[in-house]
Amino acid sequence: MVEFLDIVLRAGRSGVELALFILLPVMVVMLALMRLLEAKGVLDKLVILLAPLLRPLGLTGLGVFAAMQISFVSFAAPVATLAMMEQRGASDRHIAATLAMVMAMAQANVVLPMSTMGLSLGTTMLFSLIGGLVAATASYHVFGRHLSNREGNVDETLKHPVAEDAKGVLDVINRAGAEAFKITIGAIPMLVLALVTVAALRNSGAITALTALIAPLLTPLGIDPAMVLPTLTKYLGGGTAMMGVMGEMLRDGSASVATLNASIGFLLHPLDIPGIAVLISAGKRVASVWKVALMAACVGVAVRTLAHVMLF
């Protein structure tokens, strides 16, 4: 019992430090910037500019906005946009394409903090965008071509606060700070639980035994056996939990920055149990196309994985 409590206390301290000293500052700055650009109408203009170019890939204006949300806010941010698409009459085919894109892209709430650990930010975001567009295209033109393409009178206007004076700017910043704090505090339980579970499995020898069992299959493929632990954590506990585990591995030397960058293509996206559960909660029609989106997202993640492996 004493050993278990020691594990809990050490994991708790690591989880809280990661959330408050890395995740929170990064999210406050990025969310404030994102919300200010939104309030000033910059994002509206960008969506209007990009929407016609991406329409052949299966993305509408709201789909473009969802890509910006996952890239600069968090994986949960596009939930509101997906719900909006459903309520405003977007077709099932367009919803599936947007959902596939979001599932295949890297989420900002993990990408940005991990850039302080050595993650190549620009490369990760570029490959994330490419993977997302590939997933959207695969969903719209291949896996989801049987879905309804009928649209209602879709209103793609983005409703958000404006910042026309100093008070408006301050209000936007304060709301962004509160949103960042909420995201950070919400991440702490998963971080702590993931770190406790990992530490317990390590102390019991389970991770060592599993790694030794799988290593003969991974080594010929050029995959570092050390990635077994973060991969299991990611697909069962989500990207935030993986971030906590990778941070520990980088600190104790069991993983390197080069390994992190080479493997991030299949480690960083919402295509995991918690991520899928959150995204399909956007609405009934969103949930009805999740299988199509999942298959297309796998194609996008595969493209990202190959790109990272080839570059790093």
C-alpha atoms as a PDB file:
ATOM      1  CA  MET A   1       0.000   0.000   0.000  1.00  0.00           C
ATOM      2  CA  VAL A   2       2.847   2.385   0.864  1.00  0.00           C
ATOM      3  CA  GLU A   3       4.454   1.752  -2.549  1.00  0.00           C
ATOM      4  CA  PHE A   4       1.147   2.364  -4.317  1.00  0.00           C
ATOM      5  CA  LEU A   5       0.598   5.647  -2.466  1.00  0.00           C
ATOM      6  CA  ASP A   6       4.110   6.708  -3.387  1.00  0.00           C
ATOM      7  CA  ILE A   7       3.306   6.003  -7.057  1.00  0.00           C
ATOM      8  CA  VAL A   8       0.084   8.018  -6.795  1.00  0.00           C
ATOM      9  CA  LEU A   9       1.831  11.006  -5.204  1.00  0.00           C
ATOM     10  CA  ARG A  10       4.689  11.052  -7.714  1.00  0.00           C
ATOM     11  CA  ALA A  11       2.317  10.619 -10.675  1.00  0.00           C
ATOM     12  CA  GLY A  12      -0.001  13.283  -9.278  1.00  0.00           C
ATOM     13  CA  ARG A  13       2.843  15.758  -8.934  1.00  0.00           C
ATOM     14  CA  SER A  14       4.048  15.050 -12.488  1.00  0.00           C
ATOM     15  CA  GLY A  15       0.533  15.362 -13.919  1.00  0.00           C
ATOM     16  CA  VAL A  16      -0.221  18.640 -12.164  1.00  0.00           C
ATOM     17  CA  GLU A  17       3.170  20.127 -13.113  1.00  0.00           C
ATOM     18  CA  LEU A  18       2.672  19.155 -16.757  1.00  0.00           C
ATOM     19  CA  ALA A  19      -0.840  20.639 -16.811  1.00  0.00           C
ATOM     20  CA  LEU A  20      -0.154  23.881 -14.934  1.00  0.00           C
ATOM     21  CA  PHE A  21       3.381  24.720 -16.062  1.00  0.00           C
ATOM     22  CA  ILE A  22       3.303  23.545 -19.700  1.00  0.00           C
ATOM     23  CA  LEU A  23      -0.248  23.005 -20.921  1.00  0.00           C
ATOM     24  CA  LEU A  24      -1.906  26.036 -19.273  1.00  0.00           C
ATOM     25  CA  PRO A  25       0.497  28.819 -20.412  1.00  0.00           C
ATOM     26  CA  VAL A  26       0.561  27.532 -23.989  1.00  0.00           C
ATOM     27  CA  MET A  27      -3.225  27.165 -24.167  1.00  0.00           C
ATOM     28  CA  VAL A  28      -3.848  30.632 -22.683  1.00  0.00           C
ATOM     29  CA  VAL A  29      -1.654  32.332 -25.287  1.00  0.00           C
ATOM     30  CA  MET A  30      -2.902  30.319 -28.270  1.00  0.00           C
ATOM     31  CA  LEU A  31      -6.573  30.518 -27.309  1.00  0.00           C
ATOM     32  CA  ALA A  32      -6.350  34.259 -26.703  1.00  0.00           C
ATOM     33  CA  LEU A  33      -4.739  34.715 -30.129  1.00  0.00           C
ATOM     34  CA  MET A  34      -7.300  32.442 -31.794  1.00  0.00           C
ATOM     35  CA  ARG A  35     -10.265  34.182 -30.176  1.00  0.00           C
ATOM     36  CA  LEU A  36      -8.910  37.658 -31.000  1.00  0.00           C
ATOM     37  CA  LEU A  37      -8.489  36.712 -34.666  1.00  0.00           C
ATOM     38  CA  GLU A  38     -12.003  35.297 -34.553  1.00  0.00           C
ATOM     39  CA  ALA A  39     -13.427  38.449 -32.961  1.00  0.00           C
ATOM     40  CA  LYS A  40     -11.637  40.713 -35.439  1.00  0.00           C
ATOM     41  CA  GLY A  41     -13.155  38.792 -38.344  1.00  0.00           C
ATOM     42  CA  VAL A  42      -9.817  37.482 -39.642  1.00  0.00           C
ATOM     43  CA  LEU A  43     -10.916  33.851 -39.412  1.00  0.00           C
ATOM     44  CA  ASP A  44     -14.194  34.637 -41.193  1.00  0.00           C
ATOM     45  CA  LYS A  45     -12.246  36.065 -44.141  1.00  0.00           C
ATOM     46  CA  LEU A  46      -9.882  33.081 -44.141  1.00  0.00           C
ATOM     47  CA  VAL A  47     -12.793  30.633 -44.184  1.00  0.00           C
ATOM     48  CA  ILE A  48     -14.440  32.512 -47.056  1.00  0.00           C
ATOM     49  CA  LEU A  49     -11.148  32.434 -48.973  1.00  0.00           C
ATOM     50  CA  LEU A  50     -10.379  28.744 -48.410  1.00  0.00           C
ATOM     51  CA  ALA A  51     -13.865  27.215 -48.588  1.00  0.00           C
ATOM     52  CA  PRO A  52     -14.186  27.318 -52.422  1.00  0.00           C
ATOM     53  CA  LEU A  53     -10.711  25.761 -52.793  1.00  0.00           C
ATOM     54  CA  LEU A  54     -11.474  22.894 -50.407  1.00  0.00           C
ATOM     55  CA  ARG A  55     -15.049  22.272 -51.516  1.00  0.00           C
ATOM     56  CA  PRO A  56     -13.948  19.624 -54.083  1.00  0.00           C
ATOM     57  CA  LEU A  57     -12.350  17.698 -51.193  1.00  0.00           C
ATOM     58  CA  GLY A  58     -15.682  17.519 -49.379  1.00  0.00           C
ATOM     59  CA  LEU A  59     -15.184  20.428 -46.976  1.00  0.00           C
ATOM     60  CA  THR A  60     -17.560  23.348 -46.499  1.00  0.00           C
ATOM     61  CA  GLY A  61     -16.820  26.657 -44.793  1.00  0.00           C
ATOM     62  CA  LEU A  62     -17.688  25.150 -41.418  1.00  0.00           C
ATOM     63  CA  GLY A  63     -15.401  22.223 -42.222  1.00  0.00           C
ATOM     64  CA  VAL A  64     -12.526  24.653 -42.764  1.00  0.00           C
ATOM     65  CA  PHE A  65     -13.311  26.266 -39.413  1.00  0.00           C
ATOM     66  CA  ALA A  66     -13.250  22.827 -37.737  1.00  0.00           C
ATOM     67  CA  ALA A  67      -9.726  22.298 -39.133  1.00  0.00           C
ATOM     68  CA  MET A  68      -8.628  25.590 -37.577  1.00  0.00           C
ATOM     69  CA  GLN A  69     -10.208  24.668 -34.266  1.00  0.00           C
ATOM     70  CA  ILE A  70      -8.396  21.343 -33.887  1.00  0.00           C
ATOM     71  CA  SER A  71      -5.128  22.913 -35.090  1.00  0.00           C
ATOM     72  CA  PHE A  72      -5.178  25.877 -32.713  1.00  0.00           C
ATOM     73  CA  VAL A  73      -7.587  25.055 -29.848  1.00  0.00           C
ATOM     74  CA  SER A  74      -8.197  21.381 -28.978  1.00  0.00           C
ATOM     75  CA  PHE A  75      -9.640  18.131 -30.324  1.00  0.00           C
ATOM     76  CA  ALA A  76     -12.959  18.832 -28.552  1.00  0.00           C
ATOM     77  CA  ALA A  77     -13.425  22.282 -30.110  1.00  0.00           C
ATOM     78  CA  PRO A  78     -14.796  20.952 -33.454  1.00  0.00           C
ATOM     79  CA  VAL A  79     -17.650  19.220 -31.597  1.00  0.00           C
ATOM     80  CA  ALA A  80     -19.593  22.495 -31.577  1.00  0.00           C
ATOM     81  CA  THR A  81     -18.920  22.977 -35.302  1.00  0.00           C
ATOM     82  CA  LEU A  82     -20.023  19.432 -36.150  1.00  0.00           C
ATOM     83  CA  ALA A  83     -23.208  20.008 -34.146  1.00  0.00           C
ATOM     84  CA  MET A  84     -23.716  23.280 -36.011  1.00  0.00           C
ATOM     85  CA  MET A  85     -23.318  21.519 -39.367  1.00  0.00           C
ATOM     86  CA  GLU A  86     -25.944  18.971 -38.382  1.00  0.00           C
ATOM     87  CA  GLN A  87     -28.390  21.607 -37.141  1.00  0.00           C
ATOM     88  CA  ARG A  88     -27.919  23.868 -40.160  1.00  0.00           C
ATOM     89  CA  GLY A  89     -28.637  21.177 -42.761  1.00  0.00           C
ATOM     90  CA  ALA A  90     -25.217  20.060 -43.997  1.00  0.00           C
ATOM     91  CA  SER A  91     -25.347  16.761 -45.892  1.00  0.00           C
ATOM     92  CA  ASP A  92     -24.302  13.472 -44.309  1.00  0.00           C
ATOM     93  CA  ARG A  93     -21.497  13.242 -46.850  1.00  0.00           C
ATOM     94  CA  HIS A  94     -20.035  16.615 -45.857  1.00  0.00           C
ATOM     95  CA  ILE A  95     -20.399  15.815 -42.157  1.00  0.00           C
ATOM     96  CA  ALA A  96     -18.541  12.524 -42.638  1.00  0.00           C
ATOM     97  CA  ALA A  97     -15.737  14.280 -44.534  1.00  0.00           C
ATOM     98  CA  THR A  98     -15.348  16.882 -41.787  1.00  0.00           C
ATOM     99  CA  LEU A  99     -15.406  14.246 -39.041  1.00  0.00           C
ATOM    100  CA  ALA A 100     -12.779  12.164 -40.878  1.00  0.00           C
ATOM    101  CA  MET A 101     -10.546  15.213 -41.270  1.00  0.00           C
ATOM    102  CA  VAL A 102     -10.785  16.063 -37.555  1.00  0.00           C
ATOM    103  CA  MET A 103     -10.058  12.454 -36.539  1.00  0.00           C
ATOM    104  CA  ALA A 104      -6.909  12.403 -38.679  1.00  0.00           C
ATOM    105  CA  MET A 105      -5.422  15.738 -37.573  1.00  0.00           C
ATOM    106  CA  ALA A 106      -3.132  16.538 -34.645  1.00  0.00           C
ATOM    107  CA  GLN A 107      -4.864  18.337 -31.779  1.00  0.00           C
ATOM    108  CA  ALA A 108      -3.439  21.656 -30.577  1.00  0.00           C
ATOM    109  CA  ASN A 109      -3.905  20.883 -26.865  1.00  0.00           C
ATOM    110  CA  VAL A 110      -1.188  18.204 -27.232  1.00  0.00           C
ATOM    111  CA  VAL A 111       0.888  19.496 -30.175  1.00  0.00           C
ATOM    112  CA  LEU A 112       1.652  22.890 -28.650  1.00  0.00           C
ATOM    113  CA  PRO A 113       2.769  21.685 -25.186  1.00  0.00           C
ATOM    114  CA  MET A 114       4.807  18.859 -26.734  1.00  0.00           C
ATOM    115  CA  SER A 115       6.675  21.379 -28.879  1.00  0.00           C
ATOM    116  CA  THR A 116       8.410  22.364 -25.622  1.00  0.00           C
ATOM    117  CA  MET A 117       9.586  18.730 -25.340  1.00  0.00           C
ATOM    118  CA  GLY A 118      11.282  18.743 -28.747  1.00  0.00           C
ATOM    119  CA  LEU A 119       8.373  18.025 -31.089  1.00  0.00           C
ATOM    120  CA  SER A 120       8.877  19.667 -34.496  1.00  0.00           C
ATOM    121  CA  LEU A 121       5.905  22.041 -34.485  1.00  0.00           C
ATOM    122  CA  GLY A 122       5.902  23.250 -38.090  1.00  0.00           C
ATOM    123  CA  THR A 123       6.432  19.798 -39.595  1.00  0.00           C
ATOM    124  CA  THR A 124       3.796  18.216 -37.362  1.00  0.00           C
ATOM    125  CA  MET A 125       1.189  20.833 -38.259  1.00  0.00           C
ATOM    126  CA  LEU A 126       1.975  20.614 -41.982  1.00  0.00           C
ATOM    127  CA  PHE A 127       1.682  16.821 -42.066  1.00  0.00           C
ATOM    128  CA  SER A 128      -1.421  17.088 -39.874  1.00  0.00           C
ATOM    129  CA  LEU A 129      -3.094  19.328 -42.454  1.00  0.00           C
ATOM    130  CA  ILE A 130      -2.098  17.023 -45.312  1.00  0.00           C
ATOM    131  CA  GLY A 131      -3.391  13.969 -43.440  1.00  0.00           C
ATOM    132  CA  GLY A 132      -6.652  15.744 -42.629  1.00  0.00           C
ATOM    133  CA  LEU A 133      -7.246  16.751 -46.252  1.00  0.00           C
ATOM    134  CA  VAL A 134      -6.456  13.210 -47.432  1.00  0.00           C
ATOM    135  CA  ALA A 135      -8.953  11.824 -44.891  1.00  0.00           C
ATOM    136  CA  ALA A 136     -11.664  14.284 -45.977  1.00  0.00           C
ATOM    137  CA  THR A 137     -11.107  13.397 -49.637  1.00  0.00           C
ATOM    138  CA  ALA A 138     -11.137   9.653 -48.934  1.00  0.00           C
ATOM    139  CA  SER A 139     -14.371  10.014 -46.984  1.00  0.00           C
ATOM    140  CA  TYR A 140     -16.184  12.195 -49.524  1.00  0.00           C
ATOM    141  CA  HIS A 141     -15.092  10.436 -52.722  1.00  0.00           C
ATOM    142  CA  VAL A 142     -14.471   6.830 -51.611  1.00  0.00           C
ATOM    143  CA  PHE A 143     -15.836   5.536 -48.312  1.00  0.00           C
ATOM    144  CA  GLY A 144     -18.785   7.928 -48.051  1.00  0.00           C
ATOM    145  CA  ARG A 145     -19.866   8.253 -51.652  1.00  0.00           C
ATOM    146  CA  HIS A 146     -23.048   6.295 -50.841  1.00  0.00           C
ATOM    147  CA  LEU A 147     -24.098   8.834 -48.192  1.00  0.00           C
ATOM    148  CA  SER A 148     -26.720  11.471 -48.887  1.00  0.00           C
ATOM    149  CA  ASN A 149     -25.362  14.579 -50.594  1.00  0.00           C
ATOM    150  CA  ARG A 150     -28.584  16.531 -50.091  1.00  0.00           C
ATOM    151  CA  GLU A 151     -28.148  19.776 -48.199  1.00  0.00           C
ATOM    152  CA  GLY A 152     -30.663  22.056 -46.614  1.00  0.00           C
ATOM    153  CA  ASN A 153     -30.400  25.838 -46.620  1.00  0.00           C
ATOM    154  CA  VAL A 154     -26.983  25.791 -44.936  1.00  0.00           C
ATOM    155  CA  ASP A 155     -26.044  28.905 -42.956  1.00  0.00           C
ATOM    156  CA  GLU A 156     -22.260  28.954 -42.647  1.00  0.00           C
ATOM    157  CA  THR A 157     -22.073  32.252 -40.803  1.00  0.00           C
ATOM    158  CA  LEU A 158     -19.833  31.981 -37.751  1.00  0.00           C
ATOM    159  CA  LYS A 159     -21.420  33.652 -34.741  1.00  0.00           C
ATOM    160  CA  HIS A 160     -18.855  34.925 -32.241  1.00  0.00           C
ATOM    161  CA  PRO A 161     -18.083  37.984 -30.057  1.00  0.00           C
ATOM    162  CA  VAL A 162     -16.578  41.072 -31.676  1.00  0.00           C
ATOM    163  CA  ALA A 163     -13.696  43.186 -30.375  1.00  0.00           C
ATOM    164  CA  GLU A 164     -14.200  46.708 -31.634  1.00  0.00           C
ATOM    165  CA  ASP A 165     -12.692  48.542 -28.635  1.00  0.00           C
ATOM    166  CA  ALA A 166     -10.348  47.952 -25.688  1.00  0.00           C
ATOM    167  CA  LYS A 167     -13.150  46.573 -23.493  1.00  0.00           C
ATOM    168  CA  GLY A 168     -14.160  44.107 -26.204  1.00  0.00           C
ATOM    169  CA  VAL A 169     -10.562  42.939 -26.587  1.00  0.00           C
ATOM    170  CA  LEU A 170     -10.216  42.481 -22.821  1.00  0.00           C
ATOM    171  CA  ASP A 171     -13.461  40.499 -22.670  1.00  0.00           C
ATOM    172  CA  VAL A 172     -12.271  38.181 -25.454  1.00  0.00           C
ATOM    173  CA  ILE A 173      -8.927  37.607 -23.690  1.00  0.00           C
ATOM    174  CA  ASN A 174     -10.637  36.905 -20.364  1.00  0.00           C
ATOM    175  CA  ARG A 175     -13.013  34.395 -21.972  1.00  0.00           C
ATOM    176  CA  ALA A 176     -10.091  32.717 -23.745  1.00  0.00           C
ATOM    177  CA  GLY A 177      -8.193  32.482 -20.458  1.00  0.00           C
ATOM    178  CA  ALA A 178     -11.181  30.909 -18.736  1.00  0.00           C
ATOM    179  CA  GLU A 179     -11.586  28.445 -21.617  1.00  0.00           C
ATOM    180  CA  ALA A 180      -7.876  27.521 -21.447  1.00  0.00           C
ATOM    181  CA  PHE A 181      -8.110  27.005 -17.682  1.00  0.00           C
ATOM    182  CA  LYS A 182     -11.154  24.753 -18.126  1.00  0.00           C
ATOM    183  CA  ILE A 183      -9.339  22.629 -20.737  1.00  0.00           C
ATOM    184  CA  THR A 184      -6.265  22.352 -18.499  1.00  0.00           C
ATOM    185  CA  ILE A 185      -8.139  21.404 -15.331  1.00  0.00           C
ATOM    186  CA  GLY A 186     -10.186  18.892 -17.313  1.00  0.00           C
ATOM    187  CA  ALA A 187      -6.968  17.250 -18.507  1.00  0.00           C
ATOM    188  CA  ILE A 188      -5.489  16.693 -15.036  1.00  0.00           C
ATOM    189  CA  PRO A 189      -7.544  13.593 -14.035  1.00  0.00           C
ATOM    190  CA  MET A 190      -6.643  11.740 -17.251  1.00  0.00           C
ATOM    191  CA  LEU A 191      -2.990  12.743 -16.937  1.00  0.00           C
ATOM    192  CA  VAL A 192      -2.747  11.560 -13.334  1.00  0.00           C
ATOM    193  CA  LEU A 193      -4.632   8.298 -13.961  1.00  0.00           C
ATOM    194  CA  ALA A 194      -2.486   7.538 -17.009  1.00  0.00           C
ATOM    195  CA  LEU A 195       0.759   8.189 -15.119  1.00  0.00           C
ATOM    196  CA  VAL A 196      -0.390   6.108 -12.137  1.00  0.00           C
ATOM    197  CA  THR A 197      -1.383   3.216 -14.408  1.00  0.00           C
ATOM    198  CA  VAL A 198       1.884   3.361 -16.326  1.00  0.00           C
ATOM    199  CA  ALA A 199       3.978   3.509 -13.164  1.00  0.00           C
ATOM    200  CA  ALA A 200       2.071   0.572 -11.654  1.00  0.00           C
ATOM    201  CA  LEU A 201       2.491  -1.511 -14.820  1.00  0.00           C
ATOM    202  CA  ARG A 202       6.177  -0.681 -14.929  1.00  0.00           C
ATOM    203  CA  ASN A 203       6.746  -1.628 -11.285  1.00  0.00           C
ATOM    204  CA  SER A 204       4.867  -4.891 -11.776  1.00  0.00           C
ATOM    205  CA  GLY A 205       6.996  -5.822 -14.790  1.00  0.00           C
ATOM    206  CA  ALA A 206       3.985  -6.036 -17.106  1.00  0.00           C
ATOM    207  CA  ILE A 207       5.309  -3.437 -19.552  1.00  0.00           C
ATOM    208  CA  THR A 208       8.711  -5.099 -19.717  1.00  0.00           C
ATOM    209  CA  ALA A 209       7.137  -8.490 -20.411  1.00  0.00           C
ATOM    210  CA  LEU A 210       4.798  -7.103 -23.089  1.00  0.00           C
ATOM    211  CA  THR A 211       7.608  -5.178 -24.787  1.00  0.00           C
ATOM    212  CA  ALA A 212       9.831  -8.284 -24.807  1.00  0.00           C
ATOM    213  CA  LEU A 213       6.972 -10.294 -26.327  1.00  0.00           C
ATOM    214  CA  ILE A 214       6.264  -7.802 -29.127  1.00  0.00           C
ATOM    215  CA  ALA A 215       9.828  -6.627 -29.793  1.00  0.00           C
ATOM    216  CA  PRO A 216      10.711  -9.466 -32.265  1.00  0.00           C
ATOM    217  CA  LEU A 217       7.804  -8.326 -34.448  1.00  0.00           C
ATOM    218  CA  LEU A 218       8.612  -4.611 -34.240  1.00  0.00           C
ATOM    219  CA  THR A 219      12.383  -4.598 -34.670  1.00  0.00           C
ATOM    220  CA  PRO A 220      12.399  -5.907 -38.304  1.00  0.00           C
ATOM    221  CA  LEU A 221       9.932  -3.114 -39.152  1.00  0.00           C
ATOM    222  CA  GLY A 222      12.258  -0.487 -37.706  1.00  0.00           C
ATOM    223  CA  ILE A 223       9.854   0.350 -34.845  1.00  0.00           C
ATOM    224  CA  ASP A 224      11.372   1.157 -31.469  1.00  0.00           C
ATOM    225  CA  PRO A 225       9.896  -1.297 -28.891  1.00  0.00           C
ATOM    226  CA  ALA A 226       9.842   1.574 -26.387  1.00  0.00           C
ATOM    227  CA  MET A 227       6.850   2.948 -28.324  1.00  0.00           C
ATOM    228  CA  VAL A 228       4.647   0.089 -27.086  1.00  0.00           C
ATOM    229  CA  LEU A 229       3.866   1.947 -23.851  1.00  0.00           C
ATOM    230  CA  PRO A 230       2.892   5.372 -25.293  1.00  0.00           C
ATOM    231  CA  THR A 231       0.941   3.674 -28.103  1.00  0.00           C
ATOM    232  CA  LEU A 232      -1.170   1.633 -25.680  1.00  0.00           C
ATOM    233  CA  THR A 233      -1.672   4.704 -23.511  1.00  0.00           C
ATOM    234  CA  LYS A 234      -2.701   6.843 -26.471  1.00  0.00           C
ATOM    235  CA  TYR A 235      -5.295   4.511 -27.957  1.00  0.00           C
ATOM    236  CA  LEU A 236      -6.823   3.636 -24.590  1.00  0.00           C
ATOM    237  CA  GLY A 237      -6.481   6.933 -22.732  1.00  0.00           C
ATOM    238  CA  GLY A 238      -6.190   9.584 -25.437  1.00  0.00           C
ATOM    239  CA  GLY A 239      -3.610  12.104 -26.599  1.00  0.00           C
ATOM    240  CA  THR A 240      -3.304  13.977 -23.305  1.00  0.00           C
ATOM    241  CA  ALA A 241      -2.494  10.767 -21.438  1.00  0.00           C
ATOM    242  CA  MET A 242       0.088   9.897 -24.111  1.00  0.00           C
ATOM    243  CA  MET A 243       1.671  13.319 -23.660  1.00  0.00           C
ATOM    244  CA  GLY A 244       2.143  12.658 -19.965  1.00  0.00           C
ATOM    245  CA  VAL A 245       3.741   9.267 -20.615  1.00  0.00           C
ATOM    246  CA  MET A 246       6.024  10.574 -23.370  1.00  0.00           C
ATOM    247  CA  GLY A 247       7.122  13.425 -21.137  1.00  0.00           C
ATOM    248  CA  GLU A 248       8.176  10.926 -18.481  1.00  0.00           C
ATOM    249  CA  MET A 249       9.982   8.758 -21.056  1.00  0.00           C
ATOM    250  CA  LEU A 250      11.883  11.730 -22.458  1.00  0.00           C
ATOM    251  CA  ARG A 251      12.943  12.775 -18.974  1.00  0.00           C
ATOM    252  CA  ASP A 252      14.192   9.320 -17.949  1.00  0.00           C
ATOM    253  CA  GLY A 253      15.919   8.698 -21.284  1.00  0.00           C
ATOM    254  CA  SER A 254      13.808   5.722 -22.401  1.00  0.00           C
ATOM    255  CA  ALA A 255      12.720   7.721 -25.484  1.00  0.00           C
ATOM    256  CA  SER A 256      14.501  10.313 -27.608  1.00  0.00           C
ATOM    257  CA  VAL A 257      13.340  13.443 -29.412  1.00  0.00           C
ATOM    258  CA  ALA A 258      14.110  11.738 -32.740  1.00  0.00           C
ATOM    259  CA  THR A 259      11.889   8.784 -31.804  1.00  0.00           C
ATOM    260  CA  LEU A 260       9.152  11.185 -30.707  1.00  0.00           C
ATOM    261  CA  ASN A 261       9.139  13.022 -34.047  1.00  0.00           C
ATOM    262  CA  ALA A 262       9.305   9.809 -36.076  1.00  0.00           C
ATOM    263  CA  SER A 263       6.344   8.234 -34.272  1.00  0.00           C
ATOM    264  CA  ILE A 264       4.111  11.262 -33.754  1.00  0.00           C
ATOM    265  CA  GLY A 265       2.170  10.585 -36.966  1.00  0.00           C
ATOM    266  CA  PHE A 266       0.381   7.618 -35.395  1.00  0.00           C
ATOM    267  CA  LEU A 267       0.477   8.923 -31.828  1.00  0.00           C
ATOM    268  CA  LEU A 268      -1.120  12.334 -32.199  1.00  0.00           C
ATOM    269  CA  HIS A 269      -4.744  12.535 -33.393  1.00  0.00           C
ATOM    270  CA  PRO A 270      -8.229  12.034 -31.839  1.00  0.00           C
ATOM    271  CA  LEU A 271      -8.553   8.570 -33.404  1.00  0.00           C
ATOM    272  CA  ASP A 272      -8.709   6.791 -30.045  1.00  0.00           C
ATOM    273  CA  ILE A 273     -11.429   5.588 -27.683  1.00  0.00           C
ATOM    274  CA  PRO A 274     -11.919   8.866 -25.732  1.00  0.00           C
ATOM    275  CA  GLY A 275     -11.539  11.016 -28.859  1.00  0.00           C
ATOM    276  CA  ILE A 276     -14.117   9.150 -30.925  1.00  0.00           C
ATOM    277  CA  ALA A 277     -16.551   9.127 -27.991  1.00  0.00           C
ATOM    278  CA  VAL A 278     -16.305  12.911 -27.611  1.00  0.00           C
ATOM    279  CA  LEU A 279     -16.545  13.720 -31.326  1.00  0.00           C
ATOM    280  CA  ILE A 280     -19.597  11.562 -32.100  1.00  0.00           C
ATOM    281  CA  SER A 281     -21.436  13.166 -29.188  1.00  0.00           C
ATOM    282  CA  ALA A 282     -22.017  16.164 -31.485  1.00  0.00           C
ATOM    283  CA  GLY A 283     -25.316  14.742 -32.755  1.00  0.00           C
ATOM    284  CA  LYS A 284     -27.248  11.786 -34.145  1.00  0.00           C
ATOM    285  CA  ARG A 285     -26.252  12.325 -37.764  1.00  0.00           C
ATOM    286  CA  VAL A 286     -22.616  12.791 -36.784  1.00  0.00           C
ATOM    287  CA  ALA A 287     -22.740   9.508 -34.847  1.00  0.00           C
ATOM    288  CA  SER A 288     -24.405   7.744 -37.792  1.00  0.00           C
ATOM    289  CA  VAL A 289     -21.430   8.365 -40.114  1.00  0.00           C
ATOM    290  CA  TRP A 290     -18.617   7.553 -37.663  1.00  0.00           C
ATOM    291  CA  LYS A 291     -17.679   4.251 -39.343  1.00  0.00           C
ATOM    292  CA  VAL A 292     -17.218   5.929 -42.722  1.00  0.00           C
ATOM    293  CA  ALA A 293     -15.211   8.724 -41.092  1.00  0.00           C
ATOM    294  CA  LEU A 294     -13.125   6.194 -39.154  1.00  0.00           C
ATOM    295  CA  MET A 295     -12.053   4.304 -42.284  1.00  0.00           C
ATOM    296  CA  ALA A 296     -11.134   7.520 -44.075  1.00  0.00           C
ATOM    297  CA  ALA A 297      -9.319   8.862 -41.003  1.00  0.00           C
ATOM    298  CA  CYS A 298      -7.174   5.709 -40.927  1.00  0.00           C
ATOM    299  CA  VAL A 299      -5.998   6.574 -44.447  1.00  0.00           C
ATOM    300  CA  GLY A 300      -5.095  10.101 -43.330  1.00  0.00           C
ATOM    301  CA  VAL A 301      -3.228   8.826 -40.258  1.00  0.00           C
ATOM    302  CA  ALA A 302      -1.355   6.302 -42.428  1.00  0.00           C
ATOM    303  CA  VAL A 303      -0.213   9.141 -44.721  1.00  0.00           C
ATOM    304  CA  ARG A 304       0.955  11.172 -41.719  1.00  0.00           C
ATOM    305  CA  THR A 305       2.749   8.162 -40.229  1.00  0.00           C
ATOM    306  CA  LEU A 306       4.606   7.451 -43.464  1.00  0.00           C
ATOM    307  CA  ALA A 307       5.577  11.118 -43.854  1.00  0.00           C
ATOM    308  CA  HIS A 308       7.038  11.334 -40.333  1.00  0.00           C
ATOM    309  CA  VAL A 309       8.904   8.027 -40.648  1.00  0.00           C
ATOM    310  CA  MET A 310      10.427   9.056 -43.987  1.00  0.00           C
ATOM    311  CA  LEU A 311      11.478  12.510 -42.729  1.00  0.00           C
ATOM    312  CA  PHE A 312      12.782  11.537 -39.298  1.00  0.00           C
END
